[in-house]
């Protein structure tokens, strides 16, 4: 943190197209500090939270995220995450996280073999992560998706681990919160829309919360994800004068 503001670092790859959306939310809506991190950089510029935005990094050649995971900045993101730093990958960012091994699984082609762009409903499965503290368990959100490769898949053993460890954060559902095949827009296993790593500090999700944050866009359910991150970081900063030996933890 600097001057009392939480710093969000938004990574920019060739082909990113949601970087400015994320920056706008952090800088303009939240009123916090935000910086762009070019993919060739070897520094995260003291970011408290790192965002891997949506888009088509490197044109989605080979596989979505397969080239971006080798960008120099990803070495820093990996080290940052290993040290407990907060990382969120949105859409293409989620694909990059699984390619980099920071999250398990793979994102396959949508079962329709079509690019899907629409608003969907998400059920909050775990409201006790740094990313979801401002949500209620079981709450139903309206958030847009825009992807062609959002079909999340893992093997049976990994799925059991995700379930048992509470690492499935969001599932696709209907407006009433029922998890049904009809509510699944891409064929994702168990209607999974977002997961966290075992430590709980890395989130990957296919829906776009940054596109559901500004009231001008008609939906604001995504805003509270960023508020959750902000509140989590702020809560870990011990105010001056709390007692002898108090320390400030920024992540």
C-alpha atoms as a PDB file:
ATOM      1  CA  UNK A   1       0.000   0.000   0.000  1.00  0.00           C
ATOM      2  CA  UNK A   2       1.067   3.554  -0.660  1.00  0.00           C
ATOM      3  CA  UNK A   3      -0.470   6.696   0.814  1.00  0.00           C
ATOM      4  CA  UNK A   4      -3.232   4.586   2.307  1.00  0.00           C
ATOM      5  CA  UNK A   5      -4.336   3.245  -1.080  1.00  0.00           C
ATOM      6  CA  UNK A   6      -4.436  -0.375  -2.195  1.00  0.00           C
ATOM      7  CA  UNK A   7      -2.430  -0.878  -5.375  1.00  0.00           C
ATOM      8  CA  UNK A   8      -3.924  -3.086  -8.092  1.00  0.00           C
ATOM      9  CA  UNK A   9      -1.554  -4.294 -10.808  1.00  0.00           C
ATOM     10  CA  UNK A  10      -3.245  -5.118 -14.115  1.00  0.00           C
ATOM     11  CA  UNK A  11      -1.099  -7.310 -16.361  1.00  0.00           C
ATOM     12  CA  UNK A  12      -1.225  -6.475 -20.072  1.00  0.00           C
ATOM     13  CA  UNK A  13      -0.391  -9.137 -22.649  1.00  0.00           C
ATOM     14  CA  UNK A  14      -0.452  -8.661 -26.422  1.00  0.00           C
ATOM     15  CA  UNK A  15      -4.120  -9.290 -27.130  1.00  0.00           C
ATOM     16  CA  UNK A  16      -5.521  -8.344 -23.722  1.00  0.00           C
ATOM     17  CA  UNK A  17      -8.741  -6.396 -24.172  1.00  0.00           C
ATOM     18  CA  UNK A  18     -10.242  -6.174 -20.679  1.00  0.00           C
ATOM     19  CA  UNK A  19      -7.229  -4.538 -19.055  1.00  0.00           C
ATOM     20  CA  UNK A  20      -8.729  -1.057 -19.160  1.00  0.00           C
ATOM     21  CA  UNK A  21     -12.035  -2.382 -17.808  1.00  0.00           C
ATOM     22  CA  UNK A  22     -10.271  -3.751 -14.733  1.00  0.00           C
ATOM     23  CA  UNK A  23      -8.147  -0.619 -14.377  1.00  0.00           C
ATOM     24  CA  UNK A  24     -11.264   1.567 -14.553  1.00  0.00           C
ATOM     25  CA  UNK A  25     -12.956  -0.334 -11.741  1.00  0.00           C
ATOM     26  CA  UNK A  26      -9.921  -0.185  -9.450  1.00  0.00           C
ATOM     27  CA  UNK A  27      -8.887   3.392 -10.203  1.00  0.00           C
ATOM     28  CA  UNK A  28     -12.155   5.195 -10.861  1.00  0.00           C
ATOM     29  CA  UNK A  29     -14.872   3.241  -9.064  1.00  0.00           C
ATOM     30  CA  UNK A  30     -12.898   2.085  -6.035  1.00  0.00           C
ATOM     31  CA  UNK A  31     -10.715   5.197  -5.911  1.00  0.00           C
ATOM     32  CA  UNK A  32      -7.585   3.135  -5.342  1.00  0.00           C
ATOM     33  CA  UNK A  33      -4.157   3.024  -6.973  1.00  0.00           C
ATOM     34  CA  UNK A  34      -3.828   1.024 -10.186  1.00  0.00           C
ATOM     35  CA  UNK A  35      -0.952   0.386 -12.579  1.00  0.00           C
ATOM     36  CA  UNK A  36      -0.582  -1.467 -15.844  1.00  0.00           C
ATOM     37  CA  UNK A  37       2.067  -4.210 -15.856  1.00  0.00           C
ATOM     38  CA  UNK A  38       3.435  -4.936 -19.337  1.00  0.00           C
ATOM     39  CA  UNK A  39       4.023  -8.639 -19.938  1.00  0.00           C
ATOM     40  CA  UNK A  40       7.782  -8.173 -20.396  1.00  0.00           C
ATOM     41  CA  UNK A  41       8.262  -6.507 -17.019  1.00  0.00           C
ATOM     42  CA  UNK A  42      10.155  -8.177 -14.185  1.00  0.00           C
ATOM     43  CA  UNK A  43       8.479  -6.134 -11.470  1.00  0.00           C
ATOM     44  CA  UNK A  44       4.933  -6.018 -10.102  1.00  0.00           C
ATOM     45  CA  UNK A  45       5.531  -2.431  -8.953  1.00  0.00           C
ATOM     46  CA  UNK A  46       4.582  -3.184  -5.342  1.00  0.00           C
ATOM     47  CA  UNK A  47       1.072  -4.296  -6.259  1.00  0.00           C
ATOM     48  CA  UNK A  48      -1.105  -5.574  -3.414  1.00  0.00           C
ATOM     49  CA  UNK A  49      -3.405  -7.389  -5.852  1.00  0.00           C
ATOM     50  CA  UNK A  50      -2.532  -8.662  -9.333  1.00  0.00           C
ATOM     51  CA  UNK A  51      -5.203  -9.002 -12.019  1.00  0.00           C
ATOM     52  CA  UNK A  52      -4.776 -11.121 -15.160  1.00  0.00           C
ATOM     53  CA  UNK A  53      -7.521  -9.673 -17.374  1.00  0.00           C
ATOM     54  CA  UNK A  54      -9.617 -11.151 -20.142  1.00  0.00           C
ATOM     55  CA  UNK A  55      -8.840 -11.019 -23.825  1.00  0.00           C
ATOM     56  CA  UNK A  56      -6.952 -13.111 -26.345  1.00  0.00           C
ATOM     57  CA  UNK A  57      -3.328 -13.135 -25.159  1.00  0.00           C
ATOM     58  CA  UNK A  58      -1.011 -13.875 -28.074  1.00  0.00           C
ATOM     59  CA  UNK A  59      -4.086 -14.429 -30.240  1.00  0.00           C
ATOM     60  CA  UNK A  60      -4.951 -17.646 -28.351  1.00  0.00           C
ATOM     61  CA  UNK A  61      -2.450 -19.513 -30.522  1.00  0.00           C
ATOM     62  CA  UNK A  62      -1.559 -23.075 -29.495  1.00  0.00           C
ATOM     63  CA  UNK A  63      -4.015 -23.019 -26.559  1.00  0.00           C
ATOM     64  CA  UNK A  64      -5.599 -20.115 -24.710  1.00  0.00           C
ATOM     65  CA  UNK A  65      -2.972 -18.834 -22.266  1.00  0.00           C
ATOM     66  CA  UNK A  66      -0.325 -21.348 -23.353  1.00  0.00           C
ATOM     67  CA  UNK A  67       2.095 -18.684 -24.621  1.00  0.00           C
ATOM     68  CA  UNK A  68       1.259 -16.011 -22.054  1.00  0.00           C
ATOM     69  CA  UNK A  69       2.288 -18.305 -19.211  1.00  0.00           C
ATOM     70  CA  UNK A  70       5.898 -17.963 -20.471  1.00  0.00           C
ATOM     71  CA  UNK A  71       5.870 -14.149 -20.380  1.00  0.00           C
ATOM     72  CA  UNK A  72       8.516 -12.719 -18.020  1.00  0.00           C
ATOM     73  CA  UNK A  73       5.900 -11.107 -15.784  1.00  0.00           C
ATOM     74  CA  UNK A  74       4.435 -14.537 -14.998  1.00  0.00           C
ATOM     75  CA  UNK A  75       7.615 -15.456 -13.134  1.00  0.00           C
ATOM     76  CA  UNK A  76       6.879 -12.543 -10.825  1.00  0.00           C
ATOM     77  CA  UNK A  77       3.183 -13.441 -10.562  1.00  0.00           C
ATOM     78  CA  UNK A  78       4.064 -17.024  -9.637  1.00  0.00           C
ATOM     79  CA  UNK A  79       6.495 -15.884  -6.934  1.00  0.00           C
ATOM     80  CA  UNK A  80       3.969 -13.321  -5.686  1.00  0.00           C
ATOM     81  CA  UNK A  81       1.271 -15.990  -5.384  1.00  0.00           C
ATOM     82  CA  UNK A  82       3.649 -18.403  -3.635  1.00  0.00           C
ATOM     83  CA  UNK A  83       4.305 -15.671  -1.078  1.00  0.00           C
ATOM     84  CA  UNK A  84       0.577 -15.318  -0.394  1.00  0.00           C
ATOM     85  CA  UNK A  85      -0.104 -12.428  -2.765  1.00  0.00           C
ATOM     86  CA  UNK A  86      -3.639 -12.013  -4.076  1.00  0.00           C
ATOM     87  CA  UNK A  87      -4.074 -12.914  -7.750  1.00  0.00           C
ATOM     88  CA  UNK A  88      -7.257 -13.007  -9.807  1.00  0.00           C
ATOM     89  CA  UNK A  89      -7.458 -14.302 -13.369  1.00  0.00           C
ATOM     90  CA  UNK A  90     -10.584 -13.369 -15.305  1.00  0.00           C
ATOM     91  CA  UNK A  91     -11.579 -15.304 -18.441  1.00  0.00           C
ATOM     92  CA  UNK A  92      -8.315 -15.446 -20.425  1.00  0.00           C
ATOM     93  CA  UNK A  93      -6.600 -14.741 -17.101  1.00  0.00           C
ATOM     94  CA  UNK A  94      -8.138 -17.938 -15.718  1.00  0.00           C
ATOM     95  CA  UNK A  95      -6.825 -19.820 -18.738  1.00  0.00           C
ATOM     96  CA  UNK A  96      -3.351 -18.405 -18.114  1.00  0.00           C
ATOM     97  CA  UNK A  97      -3.471 -19.443 -14.449  1.00  0.00           C
ATOM     98  CA  UNK A  98      -4.236 -23.068 -15.288  1.00  0.00           C
ATOM     99  CA  UNK A  99      -1.567 -23.116 -18.005  1.00  0.00           C
ATOM    100  CA  UNK A 100       0.926 -21.714 -15.480  1.00  0.00           C
ATOM    101  CA  UNK A 101       0.009 -24.399 -12.944  1.00  0.00           C
ATOM    102  CA  UNK A 102      -1.283 -21.902 -10.394  1.00  0.00           C
ATOM    103  CA  UNK A 103      -4.711 -23.544 -10.593  1.00  0.00           C
ATOM    104  CA  UNK A 104      -5.628 -27.129 -11.503  1.00  0.00           C
ATOM    105  CA  UNK A 105      -7.535 -28.229 -14.555  1.00  0.00           C
ATOM    106  CA  UNK A 106      -7.966 -27.059 -18.109  1.00  0.00           C
ATOM    107  CA  UNK A 107     -10.349 -24.821 -20.045  1.00  0.00           C
ATOM    108  CA  UNK A 108     -11.704 -26.661 -23.084  1.00  0.00           C
ATOM    109  CA  UNK A 109     -13.795 -25.460 -26.009  1.00  0.00           C
ATOM    110  CA  UNK A 110     -17.392 -24.671 -25.088  1.00  0.00           C
ATOM    111  CA  UNK A 111     -19.497 -27.775 -25.630  1.00  0.00           C
ATOM    112  CA  UNK A 112     -21.511 -25.832 -28.222  1.00  0.00           C
ATOM    113  CA  UNK A 113     -18.281 -25.076 -30.106  1.00  0.00           C
ATOM    114  CA  UNK A 114     -19.509 -21.483 -30.257  1.00  0.00           C
ATOM    115  CA  UNK A 115     -18.325 -18.264 -28.664  1.00  0.00           C
ATOM    116  CA  UNK A 116     -20.846 -17.352 -25.948  1.00  0.00           C
ATOM    117  CA  UNK A 117     -21.455 -13.729 -24.935  1.00  0.00           C
ATOM    118  CA  UNK A 118     -24.331 -13.070 -22.534  1.00  0.00           C
ATOM    119  CA  UNK A 119     -25.269 -12.473 -18.910  1.00  0.00           C
ATOM    120  CA  UNK A 120     -25.403 -15.553 -16.703  1.00  0.00           C
ATOM    121  CA  UNK A 121     -26.327 -16.301 -13.108  1.00  0.00           C
ATOM    122  CA  UNK A 122     -23.707 -17.404 -10.603  1.00  0.00           C
ATOM    123  CA  UNK A 123     -24.213 -18.938  -7.179  1.00  0.00           C
ATOM    124  CA  UNK A 124     -21.678 -18.003  -4.519  1.00  0.00           C
ATOM    125  CA  UNK A 125     -20.424 -21.346  -3.200  1.00  0.00           C
ATOM    126  CA  UNK A 126     -17.745 -19.981  -0.874  1.00  0.00           C
ATOM    127  CA  UNK A 127     -18.218 -16.547   0.670  1.00  0.00           C
ATOM    128  CA  UNK A 128     -15.191 -16.903   2.935  1.00  0.00           C
ATOM    129  CA  UNK A 129     -12.374 -16.100   0.534  1.00  0.00           C
ATOM    130  CA  UNK A 130     -10.536 -12.783   0.066  1.00  0.00           C
ATOM    131  CA  UNK A 131     -12.509 -12.403  -3.174  1.00  0.00           C
ATOM    132  CA  UNK A 132     -16.009 -13.050  -1.850  1.00  0.00           C
ATOM    133  CA  UNK A 133     -16.164 -11.622   1.666  1.00  0.00           C
ATOM    134  CA  UNK A 134     -18.807  -9.070   0.673  1.00  0.00           C
ATOM    135  CA  UNK A 135     -21.149 -11.755  -0.686  1.00  0.00           C
ATOM    136  CA  UNK A 136     -23.516 -14.059   1.186  1.00  0.00           C
ATOM    137  CA  UNK A 137     -23.273 -17.852   0.895  1.00  0.00           C
ATOM    138  CA  UNK A 138     -25.653 -19.058  -1.789  1.00  0.00           C
ATOM    139  CA  UNK A 139     -26.244 -15.560  -3.154  1.00  0.00           C
ATOM    140  CA  UNK A 140     -27.148 -15.435  -6.855  1.00  0.00           C
ATOM    141  CA  UNK A 141     -25.272 -12.920  -9.003  1.00  0.00           C
ATOM    142  CA  UNK A 142     -25.768 -11.653 -12.541  1.00  0.00           C
ATOM    143  CA  UNK A 143     -22.455 -11.339 -14.381  1.00  0.00           C
ATOM    144  CA  UNK A 144     -21.585 -11.428 -18.107  1.00  0.00           C
ATOM    145  CA  UNK A 145     -19.478 -14.034 -19.873  1.00  0.00           C
ATOM    146  CA  UNK A 146     -17.673 -13.768 -23.217  1.00  0.00           C
ATOM    147  CA  UNK A 147     -15.593 -16.784 -24.159  1.00  0.00           C
ATOM    148  CA  UNK A 148     -15.146 -19.661 -26.545  1.00  0.00           C
ATOM    149  CA  UNK A 149     -13.028 -21.835 -24.241  1.00  0.00           C
ATOM    150  CA  UNK A 150     -14.713 -21.789 -20.844  1.00  0.00           C
ATOM    151  CA  UNK A 151     -15.488 -25.473 -20.429  1.00  0.00           C
ATOM    152  CA  UNK A 152     -13.664 -26.252 -17.170  1.00  0.00           C
ATOM    153  CA  UNK A 153     -12.467 -29.822 -16.704  1.00  0.00           C
ATOM    154  CA  UNK A 154     -10.476 -31.777 -14.111  1.00  0.00           C
ATOM    155  CA  UNK A 155     -10.140 -35.450 -13.300  1.00  0.00           C
ATOM    156  CA  UNK A 156     -12.405 -37.097 -10.728  1.00  0.00           C
ATOM    157  CA  UNK A 157      -9.833 -36.980  -7.926  1.00  0.00           C
ATOM    158  CA  UNK A 158      -9.182 -33.264  -8.367  1.00  0.00           C
ATOM    159  CA  UNK A 159     -12.903 -32.538  -8.517  1.00  0.00           C
ATOM    160  CA  UNK A 160     -13.380 -34.336  -5.181  1.00  0.00           C
ATOM    161  CA  UNK A 161     -10.570 -32.262  -3.685  1.00  0.00           C
ATOM    162  CA  UNK A 162     -12.087 -29.026  -4.968  1.00  0.00           C
ATOM    163  CA  UNK A 163     -15.458 -30.008  -3.510  1.00  0.00           C
ATOM    164  CA  UNK A 164     -14.146 -31.212  -0.165  1.00  0.00           C
ATOM    165  CA  UNK A 165     -11.819 -28.249   0.338  1.00  0.00           C
ATOM    166  CA  UNK A 166     -14.454 -25.646  -0.547  1.00  0.00           C
ATOM    167  CA  UNK A 167     -12.386 -24.374  -3.450  1.00  0.00           C
ATOM    168  CA  UNK A 168     -15.275 -24.052  -5.890  1.00  0.00           C
ATOM    169  CA  UNK A 169     -16.188 -20.387  -5.459  1.00  0.00           C
ATOM    170  CA  UNK A 170     -18.825 -19.842  -8.155  1.00  0.00           C
ATOM    171  CA  UNK A 171     -21.165 -22.155 -10.070  1.00  0.00           C
ATOM    172  CA  UNK A 172     -23.443 -21.395 -12.989  1.00  0.00           C
ATOM    173  CA  UNK A 173     -27.069 -21.540 -11.861  1.00  0.00           C
ATOM    174  CA  UNK A 174     -30.573 -20.430 -12.801  1.00  0.00           C
ATOM    175  CA  UNK A 175     -32.126 -17.204 -11.422  1.00  0.00           C
ATOM    176  CA  UNK A 176     -33.370 -19.092  -8.367  1.00  0.00           C
ATOM    177  CA  UNK A 177     -29.940 -20.531  -7.595  1.00  0.00           C
ATOM    178  CA  UNK A 178     -30.559 -24.065  -8.846  1.00  0.00           C
ATOM    179  CA  UNK A 179     -27.498 -25.646 -10.443  1.00  0.00           C
ATOM    180  CA  UNK A 180     -28.881 -27.257 -13.579  1.00  0.00           C
ATOM    181  CA  UNK A 181     -27.508 -28.413 -16.950  1.00  0.00           C
ATOM    182  CA  UNK A 182     -29.677 -25.783 -18.643  1.00  0.00           C
ATOM    183  CA  UNK A 183     -27.939 -23.031 -16.640  1.00  0.00           C
ATOM    184  CA  UNK A 184     -24.508 -24.181 -17.770  1.00  0.00           C
ATOM    185  CA  UNK A 185     -23.396 -21.988 -20.713  1.00  0.00           C
ATOM    186  CA  UNK A 186     -20.302 -23.922 -21.748  1.00  0.00           C
ATOM    187  CA  UNK A 187     -20.438 -27.511 -20.476  1.00  0.00           C
ATOM    188  CA  UNK A 188     -18.155 -26.787 -17.521  1.00  0.00           C
ATOM    189  CA  UNK A 189     -17.766 -29.765 -15.174  1.00  0.00           C
ATOM    190  CA  UNK A 190     -20.132 -29.510 -12.178  1.00  0.00           C
ATOM    191  CA  UNK A 191     -21.208 -26.072 -13.472  1.00  0.00           C
ATOM    192  CA  UNK A 192     -17.928 -24.626 -12.192  1.00  0.00           C
ATOM    193  CA  UNK A 193     -17.451 -20.935 -12.986  1.00  0.00           C
ATOM    194  CA  UNK A 194     -14.611 -20.085 -10.600  1.00  0.00           C
ATOM    195  CA  UNK A 195     -12.139 -21.785  -8.248  1.00  0.00           C
ATOM    196  CA  UNK A 196      -9.339 -20.882  -5.838  1.00  0.00           C
ATOM    197  CA  UNK A 197      -6.024 -22.559  -5.187  1.00  0.00           C
ATOM    198  CA  UNK A 198      -5.386 -24.583  -2.038  1.00  0.00           C
ATOM    199  CA  UNK A 199      -4.042 -21.543  -0.170  1.00  0.00           C
ATOM    200  CA  UNK A 200      -7.091 -19.495  -1.169  1.00  0.00           C
ATOM    201  CA  UNK A 201      -5.162 -16.501  -2.507  1.00  0.00           C
ATOM    202  CA  UNK A 202      -5.471 -17.206  -6.262  1.00  0.00           C
ATOM    203  CA  UNK A 203      -8.870 -17.061  -7.971  1.00  0.00           C
ATOM    204  CA  UNK A 204      -9.694 -17.986 -11.534  1.00  0.00           C
ATOM    205  CA  UNK A 205     -13.137 -17.305 -13.000  1.00  0.00           C
ATOM    206  CA  UNK A 206     -14.587 -17.205 -16.494  1.00  0.00           C
ATOM    207  CA  UNK A 207     -17.329 -14.558 -15.919  1.00  0.00           C
ATOM    208  CA  UNK A 208     -16.350 -10.875 -16.011  1.00  0.00           C
ATOM    209  CA  UNK A 209     -16.982  -9.076 -12.688  1.00  0.00           C
ATOM    210  CA  UNK A 210     -15.302  -5.926 -14.037  1.00  0.00           C
ATOM    211  CA  UNK A 211     -18.088  -5.667 -16.620  1.00  0.00           C
ATOM    212  CA  UNK A 212     -20.703  -5.788 -13.872  1.00  0.00           C
ATOM    213  CA  UNK A 213     -19.331  -3.109 -11.587  1.00  0.00           C
ATOM    214  CA  UNK A 214     -20.365   0.264 -13.017  1.00  0.00           C
ATOM    215  CA  UNK A 215     -24.064   1.230 -12.623  1.00  0.00           C
ATOM    216  CA  UNK A 216     -23.877   2.705 -16.132  1.00  0.00           C
ATOM    217  CA  UNK A 217     -23.612  -0.847 -17.467  1.00  0.00           C
ATOM    218  CA  UNK A 218     -26.812  -1.969 -15.750  1.00  0.00           C
ATOM    219  CA  UNK A 219     -25.383  -4.584 -13.391  1.00  0.00           C
ATOM    220  CA  UNK A 220     -23.221  -4.123 -10.287  1.00  0.00           C
ATOM    221  CA  UNK A 221     -22.934  -7.602  -8.743  1.00  0.00           C
ATOM    222  CA  UNK A 222     -19.296  -7.818  -9.819  1.00  0.00           C
ATOM    223  CA  UNK A 223     -18.340  -4.667  -7.919  1.00  0.00           C
ATOM    224  CA  UNK A 224     -18.442  -6.457  -4.579  1.00  0.00           C
ATOM    225  CA  UNK A 225     -15.705  -8.846  -5.658  1.00  0.00           C
ATOM    226  CA  UNK A 226     -13.363  -5.877  -5.941  1.00  0.00           C
ATOM    227  CA  UNK A 227     -14.754  -4.426  -2.711  1.00  0.00           C
ATOM    228  CA  UNK A 228     -14.020  -7.775  -1.054  1.00  0.00           C
ATOM    229  CA  UNK A 229     -10.399  -7.623  -2.184  1.00  0.00           C
ATOM    230  CA  UNK A 230     -10.090  -4.027  -1.039  1.00  0.00           C
ATOM    231  CA  UNK A 231     -11.554  -4.785   2.383  1.00  0.00           C
ATOM    232  CA  UNK A 232      -9.386  -7.878   2.768  1.00  0.00           C
ATOM    233  CA  UNK A 233      -6.165  -5.994   2.070  1.00  0.00           C
ATOM    234  CA  UNK A 234      -7.181  -3.101   4.306  1.00  0.00           C
ATOM    235  CA  UNK A 235      -8.084  -5.468   7.138  1.00  0.00           C
ATOM    236  CA  UNK A 236      -4.554  -6.863   7.111  1.00  0.00           C
ATOM    237  CA  UNK A 237      -3.003  -3.467   7.703  1.00  0.00           C
ATOM    238  CA  UNK A 238      -2.622  -2.923  11.431  1.00  0.00           C
ATOM    239  CA  UNK A 239      -3.315   0.752  12.273  1.00  0.00           C
ATOM    240  CA  UNK A 240      -0.562   2.701  14.021  1.00  0.00           C
ATOM    241  CA  UNK A 241      -0.801   2.636  17.783  1.00  0.00           C
ATOM    242  CA  UNK A 242      -2.340  -0.797  18.294  1.00  0.00           C
ATOM    243  CA  UNK A 243       0.335  -1.708  20.744  1.00  0.00           C
ATOM    244  CA  UNK A 244       3.978  -2.443  21.147  1.00  0.00           C
ATOM    245  CA  UNK A 245       5.372  -4.786  18.545  1.00  0.00           C
ATOM    246  CA  UNK A 246       2.448  -4.387  16.149  1.00  0.00           C
ATOM    247  CA  UNK A 247       3.357  -5.080  12.524  1.00  0.00           C
ATOM    248  CA  UNK A 248       1.853  -4.019   9.226  1.00  0.00           C
ATOM    249  CA  UNK A 249       0.961  -6.861   6.851  1.00  0.00           C
ATOM    250  CA  UNK A 250       0.177  -5.756   3.342  1.00  0.00           C
ATOM    251  CA  UNK A 251      -0.543  -9.194   1.899  1.00  0.00           C
END
